[in-house]
Amino acid sequence: MGIIRYIRESYEELRANVTWPSWAEGQNLMVVVAVFSIIFSLAIWGVDTGFQKLISLYFDLIG
């Protein structure tokens, strides 16, 4: 019975106490998340490429 009570209380909490963003605000936030994700992935790609070149250079020198 504990899981049923938990689900019922969780649903009530979402319905009564959570403030949901408007549709326009949700779209704006989605754009911010998408732009940040693209920038972050480009940064990781740059660091990965740099490390790959350094490691290749290192193994070329000792090999």
PDB file of N, CA and C in Angstrom:
ATOM      1  N   MET A   1       0.806  -1.190   0.000  1.00  0.00           N
ATOM      2  CA  MET A   1       0.000   0.000   0.000  1.00  0.00           C
ATOM      3  C   MET A   1       0.854   1.262   0.000  1.00  0.00           C
ATOM      4  N   GLY A   2       2.101   1.162   0.391  1.00  0.00           N
ATOM      5  CA  GLY A   2       2.969   2.326   0.460  1.00  0.00           C
ATOM      6  C   GLY A   2       3.250   2.932  -0.904  1.00  0.00           C
ATOM      7  N   ILE A   3       3.398   2.084  -1.930  1.00  0.00           N
ATOM      8  CA  ILE A   3       3.717   2.587  -3.262  1.00  0.00           C
ATOM      9  C   ILE A   3       2.515   3.326  -3.854  1.00  0.00           C
ATOM     10  N   ILE A   4       1.294   2.843  -3.598  1.00  0.00           N
ATOM     11  CA  ILE A   4       0.082   3.515  -4.088  1.00  0.00           C
ATOM     12  C   ILE A   4      -0.040   4.894  -3.445  1.00  0.00           C
ATOM     13  N   ARG A   5       0.208   4.943  -2.171  1.00  0.00           N
ATOM     14  CA  ARG A   5       0.136   6.224  -1.450  1.00  0.00           C
ATOM     15  C   ARG A   5       1.198   7.183  -1.975  1.00  0.00           C
ATOM     16  N   TYR A   6       2.387   6.681  -2.224  1.00  0.00           N
ATOM     17  CA  TYR A   6       3.477   7.519  -2.752  1.00  0.00           C
ATOM     18  C   TYR A   6       3.102   8.097  -4.116  1.00  0.00           C
ATOM     19  N   ILE A   7       2.553   7.261  -4.993  1.00  0.00           N
ATOM     20  CA  ILE A   7       2.163   7.722  -6.331  1.00  0.00           C
ATOM     21  C   ILE A   7       1.049   8.762  -6.229  1.00  0.00           C
ATOM     22  N   ARG A   8       0.071   8.520  -5.398  1.00  0.00           N
ATOM     23  CA  ARG A   8      -1.039   9.455  -5.227  1.00  0.00           C
ATOM     24  C   ARG A   8      -0.536  10.799  -4.701  1.00  0.00           C
ATOM     25  N   GLU A   9       0.335  10.783  -3.698  1.00  0.00           N
ATOM     26  CA  GLU A   9       0.866  12.023  -3.139  1.00  0.00           C
ATOM     27  C   GLU A   9       1.774  12.750  -4.128  1.00  0.00           C
ATOM     28  N   SER A  10       2.542  11.994  -4.907  1.00  0.00           N
ATOM     29  CA  SER A  10       3.399  12.610  -5.921  1.00  0.00           C
ATOM     30  C   SER A  10       2.564  13.301  -6.984  1.00  0.00           C
ATOM     31  N   TYR A  11       1.499  12.636  -7.430  1.00  0.00           N
ATOM     32  CA  TYR A  11       0.616  13.234  -8.428  1.00  0.00           C
ATOM     33  C   TYR A  11      -0.022  14.517  -7.890  1.00  0.00           C
ATOM     34  N   GLU A  12      -0.489  14.468  -6.680  1.00  0.00           N
ATOM     35  CA  GLU A  12      -1.101  15.647  -6.063  1.00  0.00           C
ATOM     36  C   GLU A  12      -0.099  16.790  -5.933  1.00  0.00           C
ATOM     37  N   GLU A  13       1.116  16.467  -5.573  1.00  0.00           N
ATOM     38  CA  GLU A  13       2.182  17.480  -5.473  1.00  0.00           C
ATOM     39  C   GLU A  13       2.424  18.138  -6.832  1.00  0.00           C
ATOM     40  N   LEU A  14       2.516  17.336  -7.882  1.00  0.00           N
ATOM     41  CA  LEU A  14       2.723  17.886  -9.227  1.00  0.00           C
ATOM     42  C   LEU A  14       1.541  18.745  -9.670  1.00  0.00           C
ATOM     43  N   ARG A  15       0.337  18.311  -9.362  1.00  0.00           N
ATOM     44  CA  ARG A  15      -0.852  19.010  -9.805  1.00  0.00           C
ATOM     45  C   ARG A  15      -1.064  20.323  -9.056  1.00  0.00           C
ATOM     46  N   ALA A  16      -0.802  20.338  -7.750  1.00  0.00           N
ATOM     47  CA  ALA A  16      -1.186  21.480  -6.918  1.00  0.00           C
ATOM     48  C   ALA A  16      -0.036  22.439  -6.608  1.00  0.00           C
ATOM     49  N   ASN A  17       1.184  21.940  -6.487  1.00  0.00           N
ATOM     50  CA  ASN A  17       2.245  22.770  -5.931  1.00  0.00           C
ATOM     51  C   ASN A  17       3.371  23.115  -6.891  1.00  0.00           C
ATOM     52  N   VAL A  18       3.414  22.510  -8.056  1.00  0.00           N
ATOM     53  CA  VAL A  18       4.493  22.779  -9.003  1.00  0.00           C
ATOM     54  C   VAL A  18       4.062  23.889  -9.940  1.00  0.00           C
ATOM     55  N   THR A  19       4.944  24.864 -10.133  1.00  0.00           N
ATOM     56  CA  THR A  19       4.672  25.943 -11.076  1.00  0.00           C
ATOM     57  C   THR A  19       5.297  25.573 -12.406  1.00  0.00           C
ATOM     58  N   TRP A  20       4.466  25.374 -13.408  1.00  0.00           N
ATOM     59  CA  TRP A  20       4.938  24.980 -14.724  1.00  0.00           C
ATOM     60  C   TRP A  20       5.190  26.219 -15.568  1.00  0.00           C
ATOM     61  N   PRO A  21       6.252  26.221 -16.386  1.00  0.00           N
ATOM     62  CA  PRO A  21       6.507  27.385 -17.249  1.00  0.00           C
ATOM     63  C   PRO A  21       5.464  27.468 -18.366  1.00  0.00           C
ATOM     64  N   SER A  22       5.309  28.675 -18.885  1.00  0.00           N
ATOM     65  CA  SER A  22       4.407  28.832 -20.023  1.00  0.00           C
ATOM     66  C   SER A  22       5.028  28.171 -21.249  1.00  0.00           C
ATOM     67  N   TRP A  23       4.229  28.020 -22.307  1.00  0.00           N
ATOM     68  CA  TRP A  23       4.721  27.391 -23.528  1.00  0.00           C
ATOM     69  C   TRP A  23       5.880  28.195 -24.101  1.00  0.00           C
ATOM     70  N   ALA A  24       5.761  29.532 -24.151  1.00  0.00           N
ATOM     71  CA  ALA A  24       6.817  30.385 -24.711  1.00  0.00           C
ATOM     72  C   ALA A  24       8.087  30.306 -23.866  1.00  0.00           C
ATOM     73  N   GLU A  25       7.930  30.307 -22.548  1.00  0.00           N
ATOM     74  CA  GLU A  25       9.098  30.206 -21.667  1.00  0.00           C
ATOM     75  C   GLU A  25       9.777  28.847 -21.822  1.00  0.00           C
ATOM     76  N   GLY A  26       8.990  27.805 -21.978  1.00  0.00           N
ATOM     77  CA  GLY A  26       9.555  26.469 -22.205  1.00  0.00           C
ATOM     78  C   GLY A  26      10.344  26.408 -23.501  1.00  0.00           C
ATOM     79  N   GLN A  27       9.834  27.039 -24.553  1.00  0.00           N
ATOM     80  CA  GLN A  27      10.557  27.077 -25.823  1.00  0.00           C
ATOM     81  C   GLN A  27      11.865  27.846 -25.682  1.00  0.00           C
ATOM     82  N   ASN A  28      11.827  28.984 -24.978  1.00  0.00           N
ATOM     83  CA  ASN A  28      13.056  29.760 -24.771  1.00  0.00           C
ATOM     84  C   ASN A  28      14.094  28.966 -23.992  1.00  0.00           C
ATOM     85  N   LEU A  29      13.656  28.266 -22.971  1.00  0.00           N
ATOM     86  CA  LEU A  29      14.582  27.460 -22.183  1.00  0.00           C
ATOM     87  C   LEU A  29      15.154  26.321 -23.013  1.00  0.00           C
ATOM     88  N   MET A  30      14.338  25.742 -23.899  1.00  0.00           N
ATOM     89  CA  MET A  30      14.817  24.670 -24.766  1.00  0.00           C
ATOM     90  C   MET A  30      15.917  25.183 -25.696  1.00  0.00           C
ATOM     91  N   VAL A  31      15.753  26.401 -26.204  1.00  0.00           N
ATOM     92  CA  VAL A  31      16.774  26.988 -27.080  1.00  0.00           C
ATOM     93  C   VAL A  31      18.065  27.200 -26.301  1.00  0.00           C
ATOM     94  N   VAL A  32      17.970  27.682 -25.071  1.00  0.00           N
ATOM     95  CA  VAL A  32      19.163  27.892 -24.244  1.00  0.00           C
ATOM     96  C   VAL A  32      19.882  26.571 -24.011  1.00  0.00           C
ATOM     97  N   VAL A  33      19.146  25.521 -23.688  1.00  0.00           N
ATOM     98  CA  VAL A  33      19.747  24.206 -23.451  1.00  0.00           C
ATOM     99  C   VAL A  33      20.391  23.678 -24.731  1.00  0.00           C
ATOM    100  N   ALA A  34      19.728  23.846 -25.873  1.00  0.00           N
ATOM    101  CA  ALA A  34      20.280  23.359 -27.144  1.00  0.00           C
ATOM    102  C   ALA A  34      21.573  24.086 -27.493  1.00  0.00           C
ATOM    103  N   VAL A  35      21.587  25.411 -27.339  1.00  0.00           N
ATOM    104  CA  VAL A  35      22.797  26.187 -27.657  1.00  0.00           C
ATOM    105  C   VAL A  35      23.938  25.793 -26.720  1.00  0.00           C
ATOM    106  N   PHE A  36      23.653  25.671 -25.422  1.00  0.00           N
ATOM    107  CA  PHE A  36      24.687  25.276 -24.471  1.00  0.00           C
ATOM    108  C   PHE A  36      25.226  23.884 -24.806  1.00  0.00           C
ATOM    109  N   SER A  37      24.333  22.968 -25.173  1.00  0.00           N
ATOM    110  CA  SER A  37      24.767  21.607 -25.512  1.00  0.00           C
ATOM    111  C   SER A  37      25.689  21.606 -26.726  1.00  0.00           C
ATOM    112  N   ILE A  38      25.355  22.402 -27.730  1.00  0.00           N
ATOM    113  CA  ILE A  38      26.197  22.479 -28.925  1.00  0.00           C
ATOM    114  C   ILE A  38      27.562  23.065 -28.585  1.00  0.00           C
ATOM    115  N   ILE A  39      27.585  24.153 -27.825  1.00  0.00           N
ATOM    116  CA  ILE A  39      28.859  24.777 -27.448  1.00  0.00           C
ATOM    117  C   ILE A  39      29.702  23.814 -26.615  1.00  0.00           C
ATOM    118  N   PHE A  40      29.075  23.135 -25.667  1.00  0.00           N
ATOM    119  CA  PHE A  40      29.799  22.205 -24.804  1.00  0.00           C
ATOM    120  C   PHE A  40      30.351  21.030 -25.609  1.00  0.00           C
ATOM    121  N   SER A  41      29.563  20.515 -26.559  1.00  0.00           N
ATOM    122  CA  SER A  41      30.050  19.397 -27.361  1.00  0.00           C
ATOM    123  C   SER A  41      31.202  19.824 -28.263  1.00  0.00           C
ATOM    124  N   LEU A  42      31.159  21.047 -28.778  1.00  0.00           N
ATOM    125  CA  LEU A  42      32.280  21.545 -29.585  1.00  0.00           C
ATOM    126  C   LEU A  42      33.544  21.698 -28.738  1.00  0.00           C
ATOM    127  N   ALA A  43      33.380  22.154 -27.496  1.00  0.00           N
ATOM    128  CA  ALA A  43      34.529  22.285 -26.603  1.00  0.00           C
ATOM    129  C   ALA A  43      35.136  20.916 -26.304  1.00  0.00           C
ATOM    130  N   ILE A  44      34.306  19.929 -26.017  1.00  0.00           N
ATOM    131  CA  ILE A  44      34.806  18.575 -25.755  1.00  0.00           C
ATOM    132  C   ILE A  44      35.493  18.019 -26.991  1.00  0.00           C
ATOM    133  N   TRP A  45      34.914  18.242 -28.188  1.00  0.00           N
ATOM    134  CA  TRP A  45      35.523  17.787 -29.421  1.00  0.00           C
ATOM    135  C   TRP A  45      36.911  18.424 -29.593  1.00  0.00           C
ATOM    136  N   GLY A  46      37.031  19.721 -29.290  1.00  0.00           N
ATOM    137  CA  GLY A  46      38.324  20.397 -29.406  1.00  0.00           C
ATOM    138  C   GLY A  46      39.372  19.829 -28.467  1.00  0.00           C
ATOM    139  N   VAL A  47      38.989  19.599 -27.225  1.00  0.00           N
ATOM    140  CA  VAL A  47      39.927  19.033 -26.256  1.00  0.00           C
ATOM    141  C   VAL A  47      40.315  17.621 -26.665  1.00  0.00           C
ATOM    142  N   ASP A  48      39.353  16.834 -27.105  1.00  0.00           N
ATOM    143  CA  ASP A  48      39.622  15.460 -27.540  1.00  0.00           C
ATOM    144  C   ASP A  48      40.580  15.450 -28.732  1.00  0.00           C
ATOM    145  N   THR A  49      40.356  16.327 -29.688  1.00  0.00           N
ATOM    146  CA  THR A  49      41.236  16.410 -30.854  1.00  0.00           C
ATOM    147  C   THR A  49      42.649  16.820 -30.442  1.00  0.00           C
ATOM    148  N   GLY A  50      42.745  17.774 -29.537  1.00  0.00           N
ATOM    149  CA  GLY A  50      44.062  18.202 -29.055  1.00  0.00           C
ATOM    150  C   GLY A  50      44.812  17.081 -28.367  1.00  0.00           C
ATOM    151  N   PHE A  51      44.127  16.351 -27.482  1.00  0.00           N
ATOM    152  CA  PHE A  51      44.768  15.230 -26.808  1.00  0.00           C
ATOM    153  C   PHE A  51      45.173  14.139 -27.797  1.00  0.00           C
ATOM    154  N   GLN A  52      44.342  13.905 -28.793  1.00  0.00           N
ATOM    155  CA  GLN A  52      44.670  12.894 -29.801  1.00  0.00           C
ATOM    156  C   GLN A  52      45.956  13.272 -30.532  1.00  0.00           C
ATOM    157  N   LYS A  53      46.092  14.532 -30.882  1.00  0.00           N
ATOM    158  CA  LYS A  53      47.304  14.971 -31.587  1.00  0.00           C
ATOM    159  C   LYS A  53      48.530  14.895 -30.681  1.00  0.00           C
ATOM    160  N   LEU A  54      48.368  15.271 -29.421  1.00  0.00           N
ATOM    161  CA  LEU A  54      49.495  15.180 -28.482  1.00  0.00           C
ATOM    162  C   LEU A  54      49.946  13.741 -28.274  1.00  0.00           C
ATOM    163  N   ILE A  55      48.986  12.849 -28.108  1.00  0.00           N
ATOM    164  CA  ILE A  55      49.335  11.447 -27.888  1.00  0.00           C
ATOM    165  C   ILE A  55      49.977  10.854 -29.144  1.00  0.00           C
ATOM    166  N   SER A  56      49.444  11.197 -30.313  1.00  0.00           N
ATOM    167  CA  SER A  56      50.053  10.714 -31.564  1.00  0.00           C
ATOM    168  C   SER A  56      51.481  11.221 -31.704  1.00  0.00           C
ATOM    169  N   LEU A  57      51.702  12.492 -31.398  1.00  0.00           N
ATOM    170  CA  LEU A  57      53.040  13.078 -31.459  1.00  0.00           C
ATOM    171  C   LEU A  57      53.988  12.360 -30.485  1.00  0.00           C
ATOM    172  N   TYR A  58      53.516  12.098 -29.289  1.00  0.00           N
ATOM    173  CA  TYR A  58      54.321  11.415 -28.277  1.00  0.00           C
ATOM    174  C   TYR A  58      54.745  10.016 -28.763  1.00  0.00           C
ATOM    175  N   PHE A  59      53.783   9.256 -29.281  1.00  0.00           N
ATOM    176  CA  PHE A  59      54.112   7.906 -29.733  1.00  0.00           C
ATOM    177  C   PHE A  59      54.952   7.914 -30.996  1.00  0.00           C
ATOM    178  N   ASP A  60      54.820   8.930 -31.833  1.00  0.00           N
ATOM    179  CA  ASP A  60      55.695   9.056 -32.993  1.00  0.00           C
ATOM    180  C   ASP A  60      57.139   9.334 -32.559  1.00  0.00           C
ATOM    181  N   LEU A  61      57.314  10.103 -31.498  1.00  0.00           N
ATOM    182  CA  LEU A  61      58.650  10.440 -31.015  1.00  0.00           C
ATOM    183  C   LEU A  61      59.332   9.264 -30.343  1.00  0.00           C
ATOM    184  N   ILE A  62      58.564   8.434 -29.598  1.00  0.00           N
ATOM    185  CA  ILE A  62      59.221   7.318 -28.906  1.00  0.00           C
ATOM    186  C   ILE A  62      59.239   6.069 -29.753  1.00  0.00           C
ATOM    187  N   GLY A  63      58.497   6.050 -30.844  1.00  0.00           N
ATOM    188  CA  GLY A  63      58.369   4.830 -31.635  1.00  0.00           C
ATOM    189  C   GLY A  63      59.340   4.788 -32.712  1.00  0.00           C
TER     190      GLY A  63
END
